[in-house]
C-alpha atoms as a PDB file:
ATOM      1  CA  MET A   1     -19.892 -18.240   6.036  1.00  0.00           C
ATOM      2  CA  LYS A   2     -17.793 -17.955   9.207  1.00  0.00           C
ATOM      3  CA  ALA A   3     -14.697 -15.746   8.992  1.00  0.00           C
ATOM      4  CA  LYS A   4     -11.349 -17.510   9.295  1.00  0.00           C
ATOM      5  CA  LYS A   5      -9.053 -15.922  11.848  1.00  0.00           C
ATOM      6  CA  HIS A   6      -5.864 -17.387  10.322  1.00  0.00           C
ATOM      7  CA  LEU A   7      -6.668 -15.598   7.039  1.00  0.00           C
ATOM      8  CA  GLY A   8      -7.348 -12.308   8.810  1.00  0.00           C
ATOM      9  CA  GLN A   9     -10.926 -12.218   7.527  1.00  0.00           C
ATOM     10  CA  ASN A  10     -13.133  -9.337   8.674  1.00  0.00           C
ATOM     11  CA  PHE A  11     -15.984  -8.906   6.219  1.00  0.00           C
ATOM     12  CA  LEU A  12     -17.332  -5.429   5.485  1.00  0.00           C
ATOM     13  CA  LYS A  13     -21.095  -5.159   5.922  1.00  0.00           C
ATOM     14  CA  SER A  14     -21.789  -1.505   5.068  1.00  0.00           C
ATOM     15  CA  LYS A  15     -22.822  -0.685   1.490  1.00  0.00           C
ATOM     16  CA  VAL A  16     -22.321   3.004   2.244  1.00  0.00           C
ATOM     17  CA  ILE A  17     -18.673   2.391   3.145  1.00  0.00           C
ATOM     18  CA  VAL A  18     -17.913   0.317   0.044  1.00  0.00           C
ATOM     19  CA  GLU A  19     -19.445   3.025  -2.158  1.00  0.00           C
ATOM     20  CA  ARG A  20     -17.144   5.546  -0.488  1.00  0.00           C
ATOM     21  CA  ILE A  21     -14.124   3.292  -0.998  1.00  0.00           C
ATOM     22  CA  ALA A  22     -14.911   2.958  -4.703  1.00  0.00           C
ATOM     23  CA  ALA A  23     -15.341   6.740  -4.908  1.00  0.00           C
ATOM     24  CA  SER A  24     -12.009   7.315  -3.085  1.00  0.00           C
ATOM     25  CA  ALA A  25     -10.315   5.110  -5.655  1.00  0.00           C
ATOM     26  CA  GLY A  26     -11.608   7.303  -8.477  1.00  0.00           C
ATOM     27  CA  VAL A  27     -12.706   4.254 -10.473  1.00  0.00           C
ATOM     28  CA  VAL A  28     -14.183   4.997 -13.911  1.00  0.00           C
ATOM     29  CA  GLU A  29     -15.646   2.809 -16.655  1.00  0.00           C
ATOM     30  CA  THR A  30     -12.355   2.573 -18.571  1.00  0.00           C
ATOM     31  CA  ASP A  31     -10.448   1.165 -15.582  1.00  0.00           C
ATOM     32  CA  ASN A  32      -9.167  -2.306 -14.876  1.00  0.00           C
ATOM     33  CA  VAL A  33      -9.469  -2.864 -11.134  1.00  0.00           C
ATOM     34  CA  LEU A  34      -7.863  -5.521  -8.988  1.00  0.00           C
ATOM     35  CA  GLU A  35      -9.560  -6.488  -5.731  1.00  0.00           C
ATOM     36  CA  ILE A  36      -7.642  -8.586  -3.206  1.00  0.00           C
ATOM     37  CA  GLY A  37      -9.704 -10.948  -1.065  1.00  0.00           C
ATOM     38  CA  PRO A  38     -13.279 -10.128  -2.158  1.00  0.00           C
ATOM     39  CA  GLY A  39     -14.739 -12.176   0.696  1.00  0.00           C
ATOM     40  CA  LYS A  40     -18.505 -12.138   0.278  1.00  0.00           C
ATOM     41  CA  GLY A  41     -18.343  -9.672  -2.607  1.00  0.00           C
ATOM     42  CA  ILE A  42     -19.833  -6.501  -1.130  1.00  0.00           C
ATOM     43  CA  LEU A  43     -16.975  -4.296  -2.389  1.00  0.00           C
ATOM     44  CA  THR A  44     -16.884  -6.253  -5.651  1.00  0.00           C
ATOM     45  CA  GLU A  45     -20.486  -5.186  -6.339  1.00  0.00           C
ATOM     46  CA  ALA A  46     -19.601  -1.511  -5.925  1.00  0.00           C
ATOM     47  CA  LEU A  47     -16.544  -1.840  -8.169  1.00  0.00           C
ATOM     48  CA  LEU A  48     -18.485  -3.632 -10.910  1.00  0.00           C
ATOM     49  CA  LYS A  49     -20.855  -0.657 -11.112  1.00  0.00           C
ATOM     50  CA  LYS A  50     -17.981   1.725 -11.862  1.00  0.00           C
ATOM     51  CA  ALA A  51     -15.118  -0.178 -13.522  1.00  0.00           C
ATOM     52  CA  GLY A  52     -14.678  -1.505 -17.026  1.00  0.00           C
ATOM     53  CA  LYS A  53     -13.347  -4.832 -15.734  1.00  0.00           C
ATOM     54  CA  VAL A  54     -12.738  -6.227 -12.255  1.00  0.00           C
ATOM     55  CA  PHE A  55     -10.182  -8.893 -11.355  1.00  0.00           C
ATOM     56  CA  VAL A  56     -10.528 -10.560  -7.958  1.00  0.00           C
ATOM     57  CA  VAL A  57      -8.053 -12.889  -6.260  1.00  0.00           C
ATOM     58  CA  GLU A  58      -9.451 -14.959  -3.379  1.00  0.00           C
ATOM     59  CA  LYS A  59      -7.292 -17.265  -1.255  1.00  0.00           C
ATOM     60  CA  ASP A  60     -10.123 -19.012   0.631  1.00  0.00           C
ATOM     61  CA  PRO A  61     -11.469 -21.899  -1.540  1.00  0.00           C
ATOM     62  CA  GLU A  62     -14.678 -22.050   0.514  1.00  0.00           C
ATOM     63  CA  LEU A  63     -15.689 -18.587  -0.697  1.00  0.00           C
ATOM     64  CA  ILE A  64     -15.277 -19.355  -4.400  1.00  0.00           C
ATOM     65  CA  PRO A  65     -18.620 -21.172  -4.972  1.00  0.00           C
ATOM     66  CA  SER A  66     -20.701 -18.368  -3.418  1.00  0.00           C
ATOM     67  CA  LEU A  67     -18.806 -15.725  -5.413  1.00  0.00           C
ATOM     68  CA  CYS A  68     -19.340 -17.717  -8.623  1.00  0.00           C
ATOM     69  CA  ASP A  69     -23.054 -17.939  -7.888  1.00  0.00           C
ATOM     70  CA  LYS A  70     -23.421 -14.277  -6.885  1.00  0.00           C
ATOM     71  CA  PHE A  71     -21.598 -12.968  -9.953  1.00  0.00           C
ATOM     72  CA  LYS A  72     -22.452 -15.616 -12.548  1.00  0.00           C
ATOM     73  CA  GLU A  73     -23.610 -13.022 -15.104  1.00  0.00           C
ATOM     74  CA  GLU A  74     -20.535 -10.840 -14.670  1.00  0.00           C
ATOM     75  CA  LEU A  75     -18.285 -13.896 -14.938  1.00  0.00           C
ATOM     76  CA  LYS A  76     -20.143 -15.030 -18.042  1.00  0.00           C
ATOM     77  CA  ASN A  77     -19.790 -11.709 -19.850  1.00  0.00           C
ATOM     78  CA  LYS A  78     -16.169 -11.415 -18.591  1.00  0.00           C
ATOM     79  CA  LYS A  79     -16.695  -8.141 -16.776  1.00  0.00           C
ATOM     80  CA  LEU A  80     -15.395 -10.047 -13.751  1.00  0.00           C
ATOM     81  CA  VAL A  81     -12.395 -12.391 -13.628  1.00  0.00           C
ATOM     82  CA  LEU A  82     -12.179 -14.571 -10.515  1.00  0.00           C
ATOM     83  CA  ILE A  83      -8.881 -16.199  -9.538  1.00  0.00           C
ATOM     84  CA  GLU A  84      -8.442 -18.611  -6.646  1.00  0.00           C
ATOM     85  CA  GLY A  85      -4.994 -18.099  -5.154  1.00  0.00           C
ATOM     86  CA  ASP A  86      -2.607 -16.110  -2.994  1.00  0.00           C
ATOM     87  CA  ILE A  87      -2.161 -12.514  -4.185  1.00  0.00           C
ATOM     88  CA  LEU A  88       1.507 -12.571  -3.118  1.00  0.00           C
ATOM     89  CA  GLU A  89       2.110 -15.463  -5.517  1.00  0.00           C
ATOM     90  CA  THR A  90       0.091 -14.023  -8.421  1.00  0.00           C
ATOM     91  CA  ASP A  91       1.892 -12.785 -11.546  1.00  0.00           C
ATOM     92  CA  MET A  92       0.221  -9.433 -12.226  1.00  0.00           C
ATOM     93  CA  GLN A  93       1.787  -9.061 -15.661  1.00  0.00           C
ATOM     94  CA  LYS A  94       0.073 -12.264 -16.768  1.00  0.00           C
ATOM     95  CA  LEU A  95      -3.234 -11.472 -15.056  1.00  0.00           C
ATOM     96  CA  ILE A  96      -3.751  -7.849 -16.168  1.00  0.00           C
ATOM     97  CA  LYS A  97      -2.433  -6.277 -19.335  1.00  0.00           C
ATOM     98  CA  GLY A  98      -2.025  -2.516 -19.222  1.00  0.00           C
ATOM     99  CA  PRO A  99      -2.824  -0.003 -16.454  1.00  0.00           C
ATOM    100  CA  TYR A 100      -4.837  -1.019 -13.393  1.00  0.00           C
ATOM    101  CA  LYS A 101      -5.900   0.175  -9.957  1.00  0.00           C
ATOM    102  CA  VAL A 102      -5.882  -1.825  -6.722  1.00  0.00           C
ATOM    103  CA  VAL A 103      -8.888  -1.494  -4.417  1.00  0.00           C
ATOM    104  CA  ALA A 104      -9.213  -3.833  -1.442  1.00  0.00           C
ATOM    105  CA  ASN A 105     -10.083  -4.568   2.158  1.00  0.00           C
ATOM    106  CA  ILE A 106      -6.898  -6.437   3.039  1.00  0.00           C
ATOM    107  CA  PRO A 107      -5.977  -8.558   6.078  1.00  0.00           C
ATOM    108  CA  TYR A 108      -4.112  -6.474   8.638  1.00  0.00           C
ATOM    109  CA  TYR A 109      -1.302  -8.991   9.043  1.00  0.00           C
ATOM    110  CA  ILE A 110      -0.095  -8.727   5.415  1.00  0.00           C
ATOM    111  CA  THR A 111      -0.592  -4.976   4.888  1.00  0.00           C
ATOM    112  CA  GLY A 112       3.137  -4.245   4.628  1.00  0.00           C
ATOM    113  CA  GLU A 113       3.819  -7.248   2.381  1.00  0.00           C
ATOM    114  CA  ILE A 114       1.054  -6.309  -0.044  1.00  0.00           C
ATOM    115  CA  MET A 115       2.163  -2.678  -0.255  1.00  0.00           C
ATOM    116  CA  ARG A 116       5.787  -3.627  -0.832  1.00  0.00           C
ATOM    117  CA  ALA A 117       4.875  -6.258  -3.430  1.00  0.00           C
ATOM    118  CA  PHE A 118       2.840  -3.848  -5.561  1.00  0.00           C
ATOM    119  CA  LEU A 119       4.895  -0.685  -5.097  1.00  0.00           C
ATOM    120  CA  SER A 120       8.136  -2.507  -5.958  1.00  0.00           C
ATOM    121  CA  SER A 121       6.567  -4.513  -8.784  1.00  0.00           C
ATOM    122  CA  ASN A 122       7.669  -4.214 -12.404  1.00  0.00           C
ATOM    123  CA  HIS A 123       3.951  -3.877 -13.190  1.00  0.00           C
ATOM    124  CA  LYS A 124       2.934  -1.210 -10.678  1.00  0.00           C
ATOM    125  CA  PRO A 125      -0.705  -0.119 -10.307  1.00  0.00           C
ATOM    126  CA  GLU A 126      -1.683   3.471 -11.073  1.00  0.00           C
ATOM    127  CA  SER A 127      -3.081   3.777  -7.556  1.00  0.00           C
ATOM    128  CA  MET A 128      -3.896   1.711  -4.473  1.00  0.00           C
ATOM    129  CA  THR A 129      -6.939   2.256  -2.272  1.00  0.00           C
ATOM    130  CA  LEU A 130      -6.747   0.007   0.768  1.00  0.00           C
ATOM    131  CA  LEU A 131      -8.715  -0.500   3.933  1.00  0.00           C
ATOM    132  CA  VAL A 132      -6.087  -0.989   6.636  1.00  0.00           C
ATOM    133  CA  GLN A 133      -5.639  -0.630  10.385  1.00  0.00           C
ATOM    134  CA  LYS A 134      -6.122   3.039  11.317  1.00  0.00           C
ATOM    135  CA  GLU A 135      -2.841   3.356  13.210  1.00  0.00           C
ATOM    136  CA  VAL A 136      -0.926   1.868  10.264  1.00  0.00           C
ATOM    137  CA  ALA A 137      -2.555   4.367   7.885  1.00  0.00           C
ATOM    138  CA  LYS A 138      -1.649   7.245  10.221  1.00  0.00           C
ATOM    139  CA  ARG A 139       1.942   6.028  10.428  1.00  0.00           C
ATOM    140  CA  ILE A 140       2.207   5.887   6.626  1.00  0.00           C
ATOM    141  CA  VAL A 141       0.794   9.370   6.069  1.00  0.00           C
ATOM    142  CA  ALA A 142       2.869  10.698   9.006  1.00  0.00           C
ATOM    143  CA  ASN A 143       0.962  13.919   9.564  1.00  0.00           C
ATOM    144  CA  ASP A 144       3.013  14.288  12.760  1.00  0.00           C
ATOM    145  CA  LYS A 145       6.137  14.562  10.524  1.00  0.00           C
ATOM    146  CA  LYS A 146       7.594  11.422  12.120  1.00  0.00           C
ATOM    147  CA  GLU A 147       8.627   9.101   9.311  1.00  0.00           C
ATOM    148  CA  SER A 148       9.215   5.343   9.490  1.00  0.00           C
ATOM    149  CA  ILE A 149      10.637   2.761   7.122  1.00  0.00           C
ATOM    150  CA  LEU A 150       7.030   1.925   6.190  1.00  0.00           C
ATOM    151  CA  SER A 151       6.045   5.523   5.438  1.00  0.00           C
ATOM    152  CA  LEU A 152       9.188   6.104   3.374  1.00  0.00           C
ATOM    153  CA  SER A 153       8.614   2.811   1.544  1.00  0.00           C
ATOM    154  CA  VAL A 154       5.260   4.172   0.377  1.00  0.00           C
ATOM    155  CA  LYS A 155       6.263   7.794  -0.245  1.00  0.00           C
ATOM    156  CA  ILE A 156       9.250   6.919  -2.421  1.00  0.00           C
ATOM    157  CA  PHE A 157       6.769   5.446  -4.913  1.00  0.00           C
ATOM    158  CA  GLY A 158       3.533   7.414  -4.419  1.00  0.00           C
ATOM    159  CA  GLU A 159       1.477   9.974  -2.538  1.00  0.00           C
ATOM    160  CA  PRO A 160      -0.568   8.572   0.389  1.00  0.00           C
ATOM    161  CA  ARG A 161      -3.555  10.197   2.070  1.00  0.00           C
ATOM    162  CA  ILE A 162      -6.318   8.998   4.380  1.00  0.00           C
ATOM    163  CA  THR A 163      -9.782   9.439   2.859  1.00  0.00           C
ATOM    164  CA  GLU A 164     -12.014   7.744   5.410  1.00  0.00           C
ATOM    165  CA  ILE A 165     -12.040   6.380   8.960  1.00  0.00           C
ATOM    166  CA  VAL A 166     -14.065   3.168   9.246  1.00  0.00           C
ATOM    167  CA  LYS A 167     -15.367   2.101  12.656  1.00  0.00           C
ATOM    168  CA  ARG A 168     -14.797  -1.492  13.730  1.00  0.00           C
ATOM    169  CA  THR A 169     -18.574  -1.975  13.933  1.00  0.00           C
ATOM    170  CA  MET A 170     -18.713  -1.860  10.119  1.00  0.00           C
ATOM    171  CA  PHE A 171     -17.167  -5.364   9.990  1.00  0.00           C
ATOM    172  CA  THR A 172     -18.223  -8.859  10.889  1.00  0.00           C
ATOM    173  CA  PRO A 173     -16.615 -10.121  13.007  1.00  0.00           C
ATOM    174  CA  ALA A 174     -15.631  -6.732  14.408  1.00  0.00           C
ATOM    175  CA  PRO A 175     -11.838  -6.330  14.733  1.00  0.00           C
ATOM    176  CA  ASN A 176     -10.311  -4.904  17.901  1.00  0.00           C
ATOM    177  CA  VAL A 177      -9.382  -1.591  16.251  1.00  0.00           C
ATOM    178  CA  ASP A 178     -10.815   0.918  13.793  1.00  0.00           C
ATOM    179  CA  SER A 179      -9.697   0.993  10.164  1.00  0.00           C
ATOM    180  CA  ALA A 180      -8.903   3.698   7.625  1.00  0.00           C
ATOM    181  CA  VAL A 181      -9.054   3.968   3.857  1.00  0.00           C
ATOM    182  CA  ILE A 182      -5.650   4.982   2.510  1.00  0.00           C
ATOM    183  CA  HIS A 183      -5.338   6.107  -1.100  1.00  0.00           C
ATOM    184  CA  ILE A 184      -1.883   6.019  -2.710  1.00  0.00           C
ATOM    185  CA  SER A 185      -1.824   7.973  -5.975  1.00  0.00           C
ATOM    186  CA  ASN A 186       0.739   8.765  -8.706  1.00  0.00           C
ATOM    187  CA  ILE A 187       2.599   5.485  -8.223  1.00  0.00           C
ATOM    188  CA  SER A 188       5.853   5.261 -10.142  1.00  0.00           C
ATOM    189  CA  ASN A 189       9.580   4.679  -9.830  1.00  0.00           C
ATOM    190  CA  GLN A 190      10.355   8.213 -11.011  1.00  0.00           C
ATOM    191  CA  LYS A 191      11.784   9.612  -7.757  1.00  0.00           C
ATOM    192  CA  LEU A 192      14.485   6.948  -7.618  1.00  0.00           C
ATOM    193  CA  LYS A 193      15.031   6.778 -11.357  1.00  0.00           C
ATOM    194  CA  GLY A 194      15.315  10.562 -11.648  1.00  0.00           C
ATOM    195  CA  ALA A 195      17.987  10.601  -8.932  1.00  0.00           C
ATOM    196  CA  GLY A 196      19.843   7.660 -10.473  1.00  0.00           C
ATOM    197  CA  ILE A 197      19.428   5.542  -7.326  1.00  0.00           C
ATOM    198  CA  GLU A 198      18.840   1.797  -7.252  1.00  0.00           C
ATOM    199  CA  GLU A 199      15.826   0.766  -5.158  1.00  0.00           C
ATOM    200  CA  SER A 200      17.887  -1.758  -3.179  1.00  0.00           C
ATOM    201  CA  ARG A 201      20.503   0.901  -2.380  1.00  0.00           C
ATOM    202  CA  PHE A 202      17.888   3.368  -1.165  1.00  0.00           C
ATOM    203  CA  PHE A 203      16.329   0.901   1.281  1.00  0.00           C
ATOM    204  CA  GLU A 204      19.703  -0.427   2.392  1.00  0.00           C
ATOM    205  CA  ILE A 205      20.787   3.029   3.598  1.00  0.00           C
ATOM    206  CA  VAL A 206      17.372   3.969   5.023  1.00  0.00           C
ATOM    207  CA  LYS A 207      17.302   0.758   7.087  1.00  0.00           C
ATOM    208  CA  VAL A 208      20.763   1.502   8.476  1.00  0.00           C
ATOM    209  CA  GLY A 209      19.598   5.038   9.275  1.00  0.00           C
ATOM    210  CA  PHE A 210      16.715   3.615  11.313  1.00  0.00           C
ATOM    211  CA  ALA A 211      18.778   0.779  12.843  1.00  0.00           C
ATOM    212  CA  GLN A 212      18.684   2.319  16.313  1.00  0.00           C
ATOM    213  CA  LYS A 213      15.705   4.640  16.447  1.00  0.00           C
ATOM    214  CA  ARG A 214      16.864   6.650  19.476  1.00  0.00           C
ATOM    215  CA  LYS A 215      20.304   7.154  17.977  1.00  0.00           C
ATOM    216  CA  GLN A 216      21.089  10.199  15.855  1.00  0.00           C
ATOM    217  CA  LEU A 217      21.397   9.783  12.098  1.00  0.00           C
ATOM    218  CA  LEU A 218      25.142  10.497  12.104  1.00  0.00           C
ATOM    219  CA  GLY A 219      25.667   7.702  14.618  1.00  0.00           C
ATOM    220  CA  ASN A 220      23.626   5.147  12.689  1.00  0.00           C
ATOM    221  CA  LEU A 221      25.256   6.012   9.354  1.00  0.00           C
ATOM    222  CA  LYS A 222      28.788   6.365  10.699  1.00  0.00           C
ATOM    223  CA  SER A 223      30.128   3.416   8.676  1.00  0.00           C
ATOM    224  CA  ARG A 224      28.668   4.825   5.413  1.00  0.00           C
ATOM    225  CA  ASN A 225      29.726   8.421   6.023  1.00  0.00           C
ATOM    226  CA  LYS A 226      33.079   8.622   4.262  1.00  0.00           C
ATOM    227  CA  GLY A 227      34.866  11.961   4.392  1.00  0.00           C
ATOM    228  CA  ASN A 228      32.185  13.538   6.639  1.00  0.00           C
ATOM    229  CA  LEU A 229      29.920  14.042   3.612  1.00  0.00           C
ATOM    230  CA  LEU A 230      26.805  13.753   5.747  1.00  0.00           C
ATOM    231  CA  GLU A 231      27.878  16.457   8.225  1.00  0.00           C
ATOM    232  CA  LYS A 232      28.586  18.776   5.313  1.00  0.00           C
ATOM    233  CA  PHE A 233      25.199  18.027   3.727  1.00  0.00           C
ATOM    234  CA  LEU A 234      23.285  18.629   6.981  1.00  0.00           C
ATOM    235  CA  SER A 235      25.074  21.916   7.612  1.00  0.00           C
ATOM    236  CA  GLU A 236      24.543  23.184   4.067  1.00  0.00           C
ATOM    237  CA  ASN A 237      20.822  22.388   4.330  1.00  0.00           C
ATOM    238  CA  ASN A 238      20.400  23.979   7.781  1.00  0.00           C
ATOM    239  CA  LEU A 239      19.634  20.629   9.406  1.00  0.00           C
ATOM    240  CA  PRO A 240      20.885  19.911  12.938  1.00  0.00           C
ATOM    241  CA  LEU A 241      23.745  17.436  13.317  1.00  0.00           C
ATOM    242  CA  THR A 242      21.650  15.801  16.033  1.00  0.00           C
ATOM    243  CA  ILE A 243      18.783  14.978  13.638  1.00  0.00           C
ATOM    244  CA  ARG A 244      17.217  11.499  13.780  1.00  0.00           C
ATOM    245  CA  ALA A 245      16.092   9.339  10.855  1.00  0.00           C
ATOM    246  CA  GLU A 246      12.402   9.787  11.694  1.00  0.00           C
ATOM    247  CA  ASP A 247      12.672  13.573  11.251  1.00  0.00           C
ATOM    248  CA  ILE A 248      13.857  13.384   7.642  1.00  0.00           C
ATOM    249  CA  PRO A 249      11.300  13.579   4.777  1.00  0.00           C
ATOM    250  CA  VAL A 250      11.562  11.358   1.715  1.00  0.00           C
ATOM    251  CA  GLU A 251      12.944  14.122  -0.551  1.00  0.00           C
ATOM    252  CA  THR A 252      15.863  14.671   1.834  1.00  0.00           C
ATOM    253  CA  TRP A 253      16.455  10.922   2.151  1.00  0.00           C
ATOM    254  CA  ILE A 254      16.886  10.762  -1.635  1.00  0.00           C
ATOM    255  CA  LYS A 255      19.642  13.395  -1.421  1.00  0.00           C
ATOM    256  CA  ILE A 256      21.305  11.633   1.517  1.00  0.00           C
ATOM    257  CA  VAL A 257      21.341   8.278  -0.256  1.00  0.00           C
ATOM    258  CA  LYS A 258      22.743   9.926  -3.370  1.00  0.00           C
ATOM    259  CA  ILE A 259      25.684  11.567  -1.598  1.00  0.00           C
ATOM    260  CA  LEU A 260      26.456   8.372   0.379  1.00  0.00           C
ATOM    261  CA  SER A 261      26.422   6.313  -2.811  1.00  0.00           C
END
């Protein structure tokens, strides 16, 4: 089966890598696991060995017959549930009852959309273990202490870490860049809820803070900074008045949004 470029298909071909992905996800026999875009089913096989039940959502109709044939026993005994459709249009509350984990090799071009959809969902997964573009994974984890809207969008809901670097040669066709396995654990809405902040309000202010990346935070948030509250906050927390949005960790952003709200 030839990969379709418009669907961002790059099929994994290493059984060693898929075993490591399943291990990174911490899948156990009591888990419900959702896989996005199973492709030829190599990761699905590894997940079926560990999970209690696996749900797969595949957008490409041409892959459905081969998946049905490959996993006919698992489909018959309902250890595997196969859905043809677009994951971004799938109602997770109807598909999976109770807790679940997401484990997937996702198309690069919808990485951000998928993360936002699940992390902001009313039926959030317990964790997400995703194979994504290496540079995107590094930007999310931000080991260089330089945050972005994407990294903050993940960290406000969970704890991301890179567990594996996957060379481009592990795929067919090989993409132009290497990939990384990113594991997001402890997913919840508790950070926002505990601070009494609406999700929409948090992202509204963060986006304004990043509006002009080279501009200092005080400049970007000038219209929201009534009564010089932000200057006072920065001074009291020993932060320079010249600080930029990218230099502020998620915990401090929560405090900033709270005082500006």
